Amino acid sequence: MDTAIGIKGKDFVLLVCDSNVARSIQKLKETEDKIITIDDDKMMCLAGEIADSKDFSDYIQKNVHLYKYRHGYKLSVKETANWAGRQLAGALGRGPWQTNAMLAGCDKEGP
């Protein structure tokens, strides 16, 4: 069982995730980093099958960077969360990912 916790404050976000990789009743690894940096102001916490989680996080990370280079500006945290949610919802039932994700970040205000 994976554990992922997110806490939102006035000017901070805290993500906590376990580091165990298990298959059935066997613990395969105890040092897996399940919190991925998407951008300089966005992070994603993942739970579920480790291969699906890593593949999904790489897909989101690379496409967020591609969007920035193509259009000249970064996506906000809300835009990134909506896009990532649509990608994950589209994969329900037909693959390729069976994972849970929690995206958190802080949008910079002002110039």
PDB file of N, CA and C in Angstrom:
ATOM      1  N   MET A   1       0.842  -1.173   0.000  1.00  0.00           N
ATOM      2  CA  MET A   1       0.000   0.000   0.000  1.00  0.00           C
ATOM      3  C   MET A   1       0.888   1.237   0.000  1.00  0.00           C
ATOM      4  N   ASP A   2       0.580   2.167  -0.876  1.00  0.00           N
ATOM      5  CA  ASP A   2       1.332   3.417  -0.974  1.00  0.00           C
ATOM      6  C   ASP A   2       0.655   4.495  -0.146  1.00  0.00           C
ATOM      7  N   THR A   3       1.463   5.417   0.352  1.00  0.00           N
ATOM      8  CA  THR A   3       0.951   6.531   1.132  1.00  0.00           C
ATOM      9  C   THR A   3       1.439   7.827   0.512  1.00  0.00           C
ATOM     10  N   ALA A   4       0.511   8.731   0.260  1.00  0.00           N
ATOM     11  CA  ALA A   4       0.846  10.051  -0.270  1.00  0.00           C
ATOM     12  C   ALA A   4       0.000  11.081   0.471  1.00  0.00           C
ATOM     13  N   ILE A   5       0.648  12.093   1.005  1.00  0.00           N
ATOM     14  CA  ILE A   5      -0.038  13.117   1.783  1.00  0.00           C
ATOM     15  C   ILE A   5       0.377  14.480   1.262  1.00  0.00           C
ATOM     16  N   GLY A   6      -0.590  15.372   1.091  1.00  0.00           N
ATOM     17  CA  GLY A   6      -0.317  16.742   0.687  1.00  0.00           C
ATOM     18  C   GLY A   6      -0.959  17.709   1.654  1.00  0.00           C
ATOM     19  N   ILE A   7      -0.221  18.719   2.078  1.00  0.00           N
ATOM     20  CA  ILE A   7      -0.729  19.735   2.991  1.00  0.00           C
ATOM     21  C   ILE A   7      -0.507  21.092   2.344  1.00  0.00           C
ATOM     22  N   LYS A   8      -1.578  21.892   2.299  1.00  0.00           N
ATOM     23  CA  LYS A   8      -1.522  23.228   1.691  1.00  0.00           C
ATOM     24  C   LYS A   8      -1.642  24.281   2.783  1.00  0.00           C
ATOM     25  N   GLY A   9      -0.707  25.213   2.779  1.00  0.00           N
ATOM     26  CA  GLY A   9      -0.752  26.338   3.692  1.00  0.00           C
ATOM     27  C   GLY A   9      -0.949  27.627   2.925  1.00  0.00           C
ATOM     28  N   LYS A  10      -0.855  28.739   3.630  1.00  0.00           N
ATOM     29  CA  LYS A  10      -1.064  30.030   2.989  1.00  0.00           C
ATOM     30  C   LYS A  10      -0.033  30.311   1.899  1.00  0.00           C
ATOM     31  N   ASP A  11       1.222  30.016   2.170  1.00  0.00           N
ATOM     32  CA  ASP A  11       2.266  30.281   1.188  1.00  0.00           C
ATOM     33  C   ASP A  11       3.235  29.109   1.035  1.00  0.00           C
ATOM     34  N   PHE A  12       2.730  27.890   1.235  1.00  0.00           N
ATOM     35  CA  PHE A  12       3.569  26.705   1.059  1.00  0.00           C
ATOM     36  C   PHE A  12       2.714  25.484   0.721  1.00  0.00           C
ATOM     37  N   VAL A  13       3.377  24.481   0.196  1.00  0.00           N
ATOM     38  CA  VAL A  13       2.773  23.177  -0.062  1.00  0.00           C
ATOM     39  C   VAL A  13       3.756  22.125   0.430  1.00  0.00           C
ATOM     40  N   LEU A  14       3.261  21.145   1.150  1.00  0.00           N
ATOM     41  CA  LEU A  14       4.102  20.076   1.669  1.00  0.00           C
ATOM     42  C   LEU A  14       3.619  18.750   1.099  1.00  0.00           C
ATOM     43  N   LEU A  15       4.504  18.022   0.434  1.00  0.00           N
ATOM     44  CA  LEU A  15       4.194  16.694  -0.093  1.00  0.00           C
ATOM     45  C   LEU A  15       5.007  15.662   0.671  1.00  0.00           C
ATOM     46  N   VAL A  16       4.340  14.582   1.075  1.00  0.00           N
ATOM     47  CA  VAL A  16       4.995  13.486   1.776  1.00  0.00           C
ATOM     48  C   VAL A  16       4.556  12.198   1.112  1.00  0.00           C
ATOM     49  N   CYS A  17       5.515  11.326   0.823  1.00  0.00           N
ATOM     50  CA  CYS A  17       5.211  10.056   0.169  1.00  0.00           C
ATOM     51  C   CYS A  17       6.161   8.992   0.700  1.00  0.00           C
ATOM     52  N   ASP A  18       5.662   7.776   0.862  1.00  0.00           N
ATOM     53  CA  ASP A  18       6.546   6.702   1.306  1.00  0.00           C
ATOM     54  C   ASP A  18       7.544   6.352   0.209  1.00  0.00           C
ATOM     55  N   SER A  19       8.545   5.558   0.560  1.00  0.00           N
ATOM     56  CA  SER A  19       9.576   5.210  -0.418  1.00  0.00           C
ATOM     57  C   SER A  19       9.665   3.707  -0.660  1.00  0.00           C
ATOM     58  N   ASN A  20       8.623   2.978  -0.297  1.00  0.00           N
ATOM     59  CA  ASN A  20       8.629   1.524  -0.483  1.00  0.00           C
ATOM     60  C   ASN A  20       8.078   1.139  -1.848  1.00  0.00           C
ATOM     61  N   VAL A  21       8.671   0.106  -2.424  1.00  0.00           N
ATOM     62  CA  VAL A  21       8.144  -0.515  -3.634  1.00  0.00           C
ATOM     63  C   VAL A  21       7.819  -1.955  -3.258  1.00  0.00           C
ATOM     64  N   ALA A  22       6.543  -2.311  -3.362  1.00  0.00           N
ATOM     65  CA  ALA A  22       6.122  -3.647  -2.952  1.00  0.00           C
ATOM     66  C   ALA A  22       5.337  -4.323  -4.066  1.00  0.00           C
ATOM     67  N   ARG A  23       5.406  -5.607  -4.069  1.00  0.00           N
ATOM     68  CA  ARG A  23       4.634  -6.428  -5.005  1.00  0.00           C
ATOM     69  C   ARG A  23       3.998  -7.531  -4.172  1.00  0.00           C
ATOM     70  N   SER A  24       2.672  -7.490  -4.048  1.00  0.00           N
ATOM     71  CA  SER A  24       1.949  -8.429  -3.203  1.00  0.00           C
ATOM     72  C   SER A  24       2.430  -8.250  -1.761  1.00  0.00           C
ATOM     73  N   ILE A  25       3.025  -9.263  -1.157  1.00  0.00           N
ATOM     74  CA  ILE A  25       3.487  -9.139   0.224  1.00  0.00           C
ATOM     75  C   ILE A  25       4.995  -8.950   0.319  1.00  0.00           C
ATOM     76  N   GLN A  26       5.665  -8.845  -0.813  1.00  0.00           N
ATOM     77  CA  GLN A  26       7.113  -8.678  -0.821  1.00  0.00           C
ATOM     78  C   GLN A  26       7.500  -7.217  -0.981  1.00  0.00           C
ATOM     79  N   LYS A  27       8.419  -6.780  -0.168  1.00  0.00           N
ATOM     80  CA  LYS A  27       8.961  -5.432  -0.296  1.00  0.00           C
ATOM     81  C   LYS A  27      10.196  -5.524  -1.192  1.00  0.00           C
ATOM     82  N   LEU A  28      10.151  -4.874  -2.350  1.00  0.00           N
ATOM     83  CA  LEU A  28      11.232  -4.970  -3.316  1.00  0.00           C
ATOM     84  C   LEU A  28      12.321  -3.926  -3.097  1.00  0.00           C
ATOM     85  N   LYS A  29      11.925  -2.748  -2.645  1.00  0.00           N
ATOM     86  CA  LYS A  29      12.881  -1.651  -2.493  1.00  0.00           C
ATOM     87  C   LYS A  29      12.365  -0.708  -1.418  1.00  0.00           C
ATOM     88  N   GLU A  30      13.259  -0.105  -0.668  1.00  0.00           N
ATOM     89  CA  GLU A  30      12.850   0.813   0.398  1.00  0.00           C
ATOM     90  C   GLU A  30      13.309   2.250   0.164  1.00  0.00           C
ATOM     91  N   THR A  31      13.933   2.531  -0.970  1.00  0.00           N
ATOM     92  CA  THR A  31      14.521   3.857  -1.179  1.00  0.00           C
ATOM     93  C   THR A  31      14.080   4.506  -2.492  1.00  0.00           C
ATOM     94  N   GLU A  32      12.899   4.211  -2.971  1.00  0.00           N
ATOM     95  CA  GLU A  32      12.419   4.784  -4.232  1.00  0.00           C
ATOM     96  C   GLU A  32      11.858   6.184  -3.996  1.00  0.00           C
ATOM     97  N   ASP A  33      12.304   7.152  -4.789  1.00  0.00           N
ATOM     98  CA  ASP A  33      11.809   8.521  -4.680  1.00  0.00           C
ATOM     99  C   ASP A  33      10.540   8.644  -5.523  1.00  0.00           C
ATOM    100  N   LYS A  34       9.403   8.845  -4.871  1.00  0.00           N
ATOM    101  CA  LYS A  34       8.124   8.921  -5.568  1.00  0.00           C
ATOM    102  C   LYS A  34       7.624  10.354  -5.711  1.00  0.00           C
ATOM    103  N   ILE A  35       8.438  11.319  -5.342  1.00  0.00           N
ATOM    104  CA  ILE A  35       8.097  12.726  -5.535  1.00  0.00           C
ATOM    105  C   ILE A  35       8.976  13.247  -6.665  1.00  0.00           C
ATOM    106  N   ILE A  36       8.332  13.709  -7.735  1.00  0.00           N
ATOM    107  CA  ILE A  36       9.030  14.124  -8.943  1.00  0.00           C
ATOM    108  C   ILE A  36       8.896  15.640  -9.117  1.00  0.00           C
ATOM    109  N   THR A  37       9.989  16.304  -9.472  1.00  0.00           N
ATOM    110  CA  THR A  37       9.952  17.732  -9.771  1.00  0.00           C
ATOM    111  C   THR A  37       9.522  17.907 -11.225  1.00  0.00           C
ATOM    112  N   ILE A  38       8.393  18.540 -11.437  1.00  0.00           N
ATOM    113  CA  ILE A  38       7.880  18.786 -12.780  1.00  0.00           C
ATOM    114  C   ILE A  38       8.506  20.043 -13.365  1.00  0.00           C
ATOM    115  N   ASP A  39       8.570  21.081 -12.572  1.00  0.00           N
ATOM    116  CA  ASP A  39       9.088  22.376 -12.992  1.00  0.00           C
ATOM    117  C   ASP A  39       9.713  23.012 -11.756  1.00  0.00           C
ATOM    118  N   ASP A  40      10.196  24.237 -11.868  1.00  0.00           N
ATOM    119  CA  ASP A  40      10.789  24.862 -10.693  1.00  0.00           C
ATOM    120  C   ASP A  40       9.758  25.249  -9.637  1.00  0.00           C
ATOM    121  N   ASP A  41       8.469  25.223  -9.974  1.00  0.00           N
ATOM    122  CA  ASP A  41       7.428  25.553  -9.002  1.00  0.00           C
ATOM    123  C   ASP A  41       6.330  24.495  -8.911  1.00  0.00           C
ATOM    124  N   LYS A  42       6.553  23.318  -9.467  1.00  0.00           N
ATOM    125  CA  LYS A  42       5.558  22.236  -9.439  1.00  0.00           C
ATOM    126  C   LYS A  42       6.219  20.903  -9.138  1.00  0.00           C
ATOM    127  N   MET A  43       5.553  20.097  -8.293  1.00  0.00           N
ATOM    128  CA  MET A  43       6.015  18.753  -7.972  1.00  0.00           C
ATOM    129  C   MET A  43       4.837  17.797  -8.026  1.00  0.00           C
ATOM    130  N   MET A  44       5.134  16.524  -8.226  1.00  0.00           N
ATOM    131  CA  MET A  44       4.085  15.518  -8.301  1.00  0.00           C
ATOM    132  C   MET A  44       4.458  14.348  -7.401  1.00  0.00           C
ATOM    133  N   CYS A  45       3.500  13.909  -6.609  1.00  0.00           N
ATOM    134  CA  CYS A  45       3.658  12.757  -5.736  1.00  0.00           C
ATOM    135  C   CYS A  45       2.874  11.607  -6.361  1.00  0.00           C
ATOM    136  N   LEU A  46       3.481  10.426  -6.465  1.00  0.00           N
ATOM    137  CA  LEU A  46       2.880   9.306  -7.195  1.00  0.00           C
ATOM    138  C   LEU A  46       2.676   8.096  -6.299  1.00  0.00           C
ATOM    139  N   ALA A  47       1.623   7.350  -6.592  1.00  0.00           N
ATOM    140  CA  ALA A  47       1.353   6.092  -5.889  1.00  0.00           C
ATOM    141  C   ALA A  47       0.789   5.109  -6.904  1.00  0.00           C
ATOM    142  N   GLY A  48       1.095   3.851  -6.711  1.00  0.00           N
ATOM    143  CA  GLY A  48       0.621   2.820  -7.623  1.00  0.00           C
ATOM    144  C   GLY A  48       1.776   2.004  -8.156  1.00  0.00           C
ATOM    145  N   GLU A  49       1.538   1.291  -9.244  1.00  0.00           N
ATOM    146  CA  GLU A  49       2.596   0.492  -9.851  1.00  0.00           C
ATOM    147  C   GLU A  49       3.763   1.401 -10.223  1.00  0.00           C
ATOM    148  N   ILE A  50       4.965   1.026  -9.817  1.00  0.00           N
ATOM    149  CA  ILE A  50       6.120   1.917  -9.957  1.00  0.00           C
ATOM    150  C   ILE A  50       6.464   2.196 -11.417  1.00  0.00           C
ATOM    151  N   ALA A  51       6.330   1.206 -12.281  1.00  0.00           N
ATOM    152  CA  ALA A  51       6.648   1.425 -13.700  1.00  0.00           C
ATOM    153  C   ALA A  51       5.658   2.411 -14.322  1.00  0.00           C
ATOM    154  N   ASP A  52       4.369   2.252 -14.024  1.00  0.00           N
ATOM    155  CA  ASP A  52       3.355   3.182 -14.536  1.00  0.00           C
ATOM    156  C   ASP A  52       3.562   4.576 -13.972  1.00  0.00           C
ATOM    157  N   SER A  53       3.898   4.660 -12.687  1.00  0.00           N
ATOM    158  CA  SER A  53       4.107   5.961 -12.048  1.00  0.00           C
ATOM    159  C   SER A  53       5.287   6.701 -12.666  1.00  0.00           C
ATOM    160  N   LYS A  54       6.390   6.007 -12.873  1.00  0.00           N
ATOM    161  CA  LYS A  54       7.563   6.641 -13.475  1.00  0.00           C
ATOM    162  C   LYS A  54       7.286   7.068 -14.919  1.00  0.00           C
ATOM    163  N   ASP A  55       6.621   6.212 -15.675  1.00  0.00           N
ATOM    164  CA  ASP A  55       6.298   6.538 -17.071  1.00  0.00           C
ATOM    165  C   ASP A  55       5.376   7.748 -17.143  1.00  0.00           C
ATOM    166  N   PHE A  56       4.342   7.781 -16.296  1.00  0.00           N
ATOM    167  CA  PHE A  56       3.404   8.901 -16.291  1.00  0.00           C
ATOM    168  C   PHE A  56       4.095  10.201 -15.876  1.00  0.00           C
ATOM    169  N   SER A  57       4.934  10.140 -14.850  1.00  0.00           N
ATOM    170  CA  SER A  57       5.606  11.363 -14.398  1.00  0.00           C
ATOM    171  C   SER A  57       6.575  11.885 -15.462  1.00  0.00           C
ATOM    172  N   ASP A  58       7.277  10.994 -16.144  1.00  0.00           N
ATOM    173  CA  ASP A  58       8.162  11.426 -17.233  1.00  0.00           C
ATOM    174  C   ASP A  58       7.364  12.064 -18.367  1.00  0.00           C
ATOM    175  N   TYR A  59       6.232  11.479 -18.708  1.00  0.00           N
ATOM    176  CA  TYR A  59       5.368  12.013 -19.764  1.00  0.00           C
ATOM    177  C   TYR A  59       4.883  13.420 -19.415  1.00  0.00           C
ATOM    178  N   ILE A  60       4.426  13.608 -18.192  1.00  0.00           N
ATOM    179  CA  ILE A  60       3.931  14.922 -17.763  1.00  0.00           C
ATOM    180  C   ILE A  60       5.082  15.925 -17.740  1.00  0.00           C
ATOM    181  N   GLN A  61       6.211  15.547 -17.156  1.00  0.00           N
ATOM    182  CA  GLN A  61       7.350  16.447 -17.046  1.00  0.00           C
ATOM    183  C   GLN A  61       7.852  16.906 -18.417  1.00  0.00           C
ATOM    184  N   LYS A  62       8.007  15.989 -19.325  1.00  0.00           N
ATOM    185  CA  LYS A  62       8.524  16.325 -20.652  1.00  0.00           C
ATOM    186  C   LYS A  62       7.536  17.181 -21.442  1.00  0.00           C
ATOM    187  N   ASN A  63       6.249  16.901 -21.341  1.00  0.00           N
ATOM    188  CA  ASN A  63       5.265  17.682 -22.080  1.00  0.00           C
ATOM    189  C   ASN A  63       5.067  19.078 -21.504  1.00  0.00           C
ATOM    190  N   VAL A  64       5.219  19.241 -20.194  1.00  0.00           N
ATOM    191  CA  VAL A  64       5.159  20.582 -19.598  1.00  0.00           C
ATOM    192  C   VAL A  64       6.335  21.416 -20.101  1.00  0.00           C
ATOM    193  N   HIS A  65       7.513  20.815 -20.171  1.00  0.00           N
ATOM    194  CA  HIS A  65       8.682  21.542 -20.697  1.00  0.00           C
ATOM    195  C   HIS A  65       8.521  21.838 -22.185  1.00  0.00           C
ATOM    196  N   LEU A  66       7.986  20.896 -22.939  1.00  0.00           N
ATOM    197  CA  LEU A  66       7.748  21.112 -24.361  1.00  0.00           C
ATOM    198  C   LEU A  66       6.778  22.267 -24.588  1.00  0.00           C
ATOM    199  N   TYR A  67       5.720  22.350 -23.783  1.00  0.00           N
ATOM    200  CA  TYR A  67       4.751  23.443 -23.897  1.00  0.00           C
ATOM    201  C   TYR A  67       5.441  24.789 -23.652  1.00  0.00           C
ATOM    202  N   LYS A  68       6.311  24.832 -22.654  1.00  0.00           N
ATOM    203  CA  LYS A  68       7.017  26.078 -22.347  1.00  0.00           C
ATOM    204  C   LYS A  68       7.886  26.520 -23.524  1.00  0.00           C
ATOM    205  N   TYR A  69       8.586  25.584 -24.149  1.00  0.00           N
ATOM    206  CA  TYR A  69       9.465  25.950 -25.262  1.00  0.00           C
ATOM    207  C   TYR A  69       8.696  26.290 -26.528  1.00  0.00           C
ATOM    208  N   ARG A  70       7.567  25.645 -26.756  1.00  0.00           N
ATOM    209  CA  ARG A  70       6.780  25.942 -27.953  1.00  0.00           C
ATOM    210  C   ARG A  70       6.037  27.265 -27.854  1.00  0.00           C
ATOM    211  N   HIS A  71       5.494  27.584 -26.668  1.00  0.00           N
ATOM    212  CA  HIS A  71       4.614  28.747 -26.534  1.00  0.00           C
ATOM    213  C   HIS A  71       5.263  29.923 -25.808  1.00  0.00           C
ATOM    214  N   GLY A  72       6.407  29.722 -25.197  1.00  0.00           N
ATOM    215  CA  GLY A  72       7.119  30.831 -24.587  1.00  0.00           C
ATOM    216  C   GLY A  72       6.724  31.171 -23.164  1.00  0.00           C
ATOM    217  N   TYR A  73       5.822  30.440 -22.555  1.00  0.00           N
ATOM    218  CA  TYR A  73       5.485  30.679 -21.160  1.00  0.00           C
ATOM    219  C   TYR A  73       5.109  29.358 -20.486  1.00  0.00           C
ATOM    220  N   LYS A  74       5.227  29.355 -19.159  1.00  0.00           N
ATOM    221  CA  LYS A  74       4.952  28.141 -18.401  1.00  0.00           C
ATOM    222  C   LYS A  74       3.462  28.026 -18.096  1.00  0.00           C
ATOM    223  N   LEU A  75       3.018  26.785 -17.969  1.00  0.00           N
ATOM    224  CA  LEU A  75       1.657  26.533 -17.512  1.00  0.00           C
ATOM    225  C   LEU A  75       1.561  26.816 -16.025  1.00  0.00           C
ATOM    226  N   SER A  76       0.408  27.307 -15.584  1.00  0.00           N
ATOM    227  CA  SER A  76       0.196  27.495 -14.152  1.00  0.00           C
ATOM    228  C   SER A  76      -0.015  26.123 -13.504  1.00  0.00           C
ATOM    229  N   VAL A  77      -0.049  26.115 -12.188  1.00  0.00           N
ATOM    230  CA  VAL A  77      -0.267  24.860 -11.464  1.00  0.00           C
ATOM    231  C   VAL A  77      -1.650  24.299 -11.798  1.00  0.00           C
ATOM    232  N   LYS A  78      -2.658  25.166 -11.852  1.00  0.00           N
ATOM    233  CA  LYS A  78      -4.020  24.708 -12.154  1.00  0.00           C
ATOM    234  C   LYS A  78      -4.115  24.156 -13.575  1.00  0.00           C
ATOM    235  N   GLU A  79      -3.500  24.837 -14.540  1.00  0.00           N
ATOM    236  CA  GLU A  79      -3.512  24.351 -15.923  1.00  0.00           C
ATOM    237  C   GLU A  79      -2.796  23.012 -16.051  1.00  0.00           C
ATOM    238  N   THR A  80      -1.673  22.876 -15.363  1.00  0.00           N
ATOM    239  CA  THR A  80      -0.936  21.616 -15.396  1.00  0.00           C
ATOM    240  C   THR A  80      -1.734  20.497 -14.756  1.00  0.00           C
ATOM    241  N   ALA A  81      -2.380  20.781 -13.629  1.00  0.00           N
ATOM    242  CA  ALA A  81      -3.188  19.762 -12.944  1.00  0.00           C
ATOM    243  C   ALA A  81      -4.369  19.331 -13.809  1.00  0.00           C
ATOM    244  N   ASN A  82      -5.029  20.273 -14.470  1.00  0.00           N
ATOM    245  CA  ASN A  82      -6.156  19.930 -15.343  1.00  0.00           C
ATOM    246  C   ASN A  82      -5.694  19.091 -16.527  1.00  0.00           C
ATOM    247  N   TRP A  83      -4.573  19.457 -17.140  1.00  0.00           N
ATOM    248  CA  TRP A  83      -4.070  18.703 -18.282  1.00  0.00           C
ATOM    249  C   TRP A  83      -3.635  17.295 -17.866  1.00  0.00           C
ATOM    250  N   ALA A  84      -2.910  17.204 -16.750  1.00  0.00           N
ATOM    251  CA  ALA A  84      -2.461  15.887 -16.275  1.00  0.00           C
ATOM    252  C   ALA A  84      -3.654  15.017 -15.888  1.00  0.00           C
ATOM    253  N   GLY A  85      -4.668  15.609 -15.291  1.00  0.00           N
ATOM    254  CA  GLY A  85      -5.868  14.854 -14.938  1.00  0.00           C
ATOM    255  C   GLY A  85      -6.591  14.319 -16.162  1.00  0.00           C
ATOM    256  N   ARG A  86      -6.658  15.133 -17.221  1.00  0.00           N
ATOM    257  CA  ARG A  86      -7.282  14.656 -18.464  1.00  0.00           C
ATOM    258  C   ARG A  86      -6.488  13.513 -19.079  1.00  0.00           C
ATOM    259  N   GLN A  87      -5.166  13.595 -19.012  1.00  0.00           N
ATOM    260  CA  GLN A  87      -4.342  12.514 -19.554  1.00  0.00           C
ATOM    261  C   GLN A  87      -4.554  11.214 -18.774  1.00  0.00           C
ATOM    262  N   LEU A  88      -4.635  11.332 -17.465  1.00  0.00           N
ATOM    263  CA  LEU A  88      -4.828  10.150 -16.627  1.00  0.00           C
ATOM    264  C   LEU A  88      -6.245   9.602 -16.764  1.00  0.00           C
ATOM    265  N   ALA A  89      -7.236  10.475 -16.879  1.00  0.00           N
ATOM    266  CA  ALA A  89      -8.623  10.031 -17.057  1.00  0.00           C
ATOM    267  C   ALA A  89      -8.813   9.350 -18.407  1.00  0.00           C
ATOM    268  N   GLY A  90      -8.133   9.838 -19.424  1.00  0.00           N
ATOM    269  CA  GLY A  90      -8.215   9.218 -20.741  1.00  0.00           C
ATOM    270  C   GLY A  90      -7.606   7.825 -20.767  1.00  0.00           C
ATOM    271  N   ALA A  91      -6.713   7.561 -19.832  1.00  0.00           N
ATOM    272  CA  ALA A  91      -6.049   6.259 -19.779  1.00  0.00           C
ATOM    273  C   ALA A  91      -6.843   5.233 -18.969  1.00  0.00           C
ATOM    274  N   LEU A  92      -7.920   5.643 -18.316  1.00  0.00           N
ATOM    275  CA  LEU A  92      -8.706   4.695 -17.515  1.00  0.00           C
ATOM    276  C   LEU A  92      -9.310   3.609 -18.390  1.00  0.00           C
ATOM    277  N   GLY A  93      -9.153   2.401 -17.987  1.00  0.00           N
ATOM    278  CA  GLY A  93      -9.776   1.287 -18.681  1.00  0.00           C
ATOM    279  C   GLY A  93      -9.022   0.777 -19.892  1.00  0.00           C
ATOM    280  N   ARG A  94      -8.232   1.629 -20.529  1.00  0.00           N
ATOM    281  CA  ARG A  94      -7.547   1.189 -21.736  1.00  0.00           C
ATOM    282  C   ARG A  94      -6.033   1.342 -21.634  1.00  0.00           C
ATOM    283  N   GLY A  95      -5.550   1.794 -20.484  1.00  0.00           N
ATOM    284  CA  GLY A  95      -4.117   1.976 -20.307  1.00  0.00           C
ATOM    285  C   GLY A  95      -3.679   3.303 -20.869  1.00  0.00           C
ATOM    286  N   PRO A  96      -2.466   3.638 -20.848  1.00  0.00           N
ATOM    287  CA  PRO A  96      -1.316   2.834 -20.461  1.00  0.00           C
ATOM    288  C   PRO A  96      -0.925   2.969 -18.994  1.00  0.00           C
ATOM    289  N   TRP A  97      -1.597   3.836 -18.197  1.00  0.00           N
ATOM    290  CA  TRP A  97      -1.151   4.046 -16.818  1.00  0.00           C
ATOM    291  C   TRP A  97      -2.218   3.637 -15.820  1.00  0.00           C
ATOM    292  N   GLN A  98      -1.777   2.981 -14.757  1.00  0.00           N
ATOM    293  CA  GLN A  98      -2.616   2.709 -13.605  1.00  0.00           C
ATOM    294  C   GLN A  98      -1.874   3.252 -12.396  1.00  0.00           C
ATOM    295  N   THR A  99      -2.055   4.519 -12.156  1.00  0.00           N
ATOM    296  CA  THR A  99      -1.335   5.191 -11.080  1.00  0.00           C
ATOM    297  C   THR A  99      -2.209   6.296 -10.492  1.00  0.00           C
ATOM    298  N   ASN A 100      -1.851   6.738  -9.321  1.00  0.00           N
ATOM    299  CA  ASN A 100      -2.494   7.885  -8.681  1.00  0.00           C
ATOM    300  C   ASN A 100      -1.448   8.987  -8.574  1.00  0.00           C
ATOM    301  N   ALA A 101      -1.866  10.208  -8.796  1.00  0.00           N
ATOM    302  CA  ALA A 101      -0.926  11.319  -8.779  1.00  0.00           C
ATOM    303  C   ALA A 101      -1.526  12.504  -8.034  1.00  0.00           C
ATOM    304  N   MET A 102      -0.666  13.210  -7.318  1.00  0.00           N
ATOM    305  CA  MET A 102      -1.058  14.433  -6.632  1.00  0.00           C
ATOM    306  C   MET A 102      -0.075  15.513  -7.061  1.00  0.00           C
ATOM    307  N   LEU A 103      -0.560  16.533  -7.737  1.00  0.00           N
ATOM    308  CA  LEU A 103       0.286  17.612  -8.220  1.00  0.00           C
ATOM    309  C   LEU A 103       0.141  18.803  -7.291  1.00  0.00           C
ATOM    310  N   ALA A 104       1.251  19.397  -6.934  1.00  0.00           N
ATOM    311  CA  ALA A 104       1.243  20.566  -6.032  1.00  0.00           C
ATOM    312  C   ALA A 104       2.238  21.583  -6.533  1.00  0.00           C
ATOM    313  N   GLY A 105       1.983  22.827  -6.224  1.00  0.00           N
ATOM    314  CA  GLY A 105       2.921  23.880  -6.619  1.00  0.00           C
ATOM    315  C   GLY A 105       2.474  25.221  -6.097  1.00  0.00           C
ATOM    316  N   CYS A 106       3.313  26.207  -6.318  1.00  0.00           N
ATOM    317  CA  CYS A 106       3.028  27.585  -5.914  1.00  0.00           C
ATOM    318  C   CYS A 106       3.225  28.470  -7.139  1.00  0.00           C
ATOM    319  N   ASP A 107       2.166  29.121  -7.566  1.00  0.00           N
ATOM    320  CA  ASP A 107       2.269  30.074  -8.671  1.00  0.00           C
ATOM    321  C   ASP A 107       2.854  31.371  -8.131  1.00  0.00           C
ATOM    322  N   LYS A 108       3.789  31.910  -8.863  1.00  0.00           N
ATOM    323  CA  LYS A 108       4.390  33.180  -8.461  1.00  0.00           C
ATOM    324  C   LYS A 108       3.453  34.307  -8.869  1.00  0.00           C
ATOM    325  N   GLU A 109       3.200  35.207  -7.932  1.00  0.00           N
ATOM    326  CA  GLU A 109       2.329  36.341  -8.217  1.00  0.00           C
ATOM    327  C   GLU A 109       3.178  37.574  -8.484  1.00  0.00           C
ATOM    328  N   GLY A 110       2.670  38.435  -9.321  1.00  0.00           N
ATOM    329  CA  GLY A 110       3.372  39.669  -9.635  1.00  0.00           C
ATOM    330  C   GLY A 110       4.381  39.487 -10.750  1.00  0.00           C
ATOM    331  N   PRO A 111       5.175  40.545 -11.049  1.00  0.00           N
ATOM    332  CA  PRO A 111       6.143  40.473 -12.151  1.00  0.00           C
ATOM    333  C   PRO A 111       7.335  39.607 -11.861  1.00  0.00           C
TER     334      PRO A 111
END
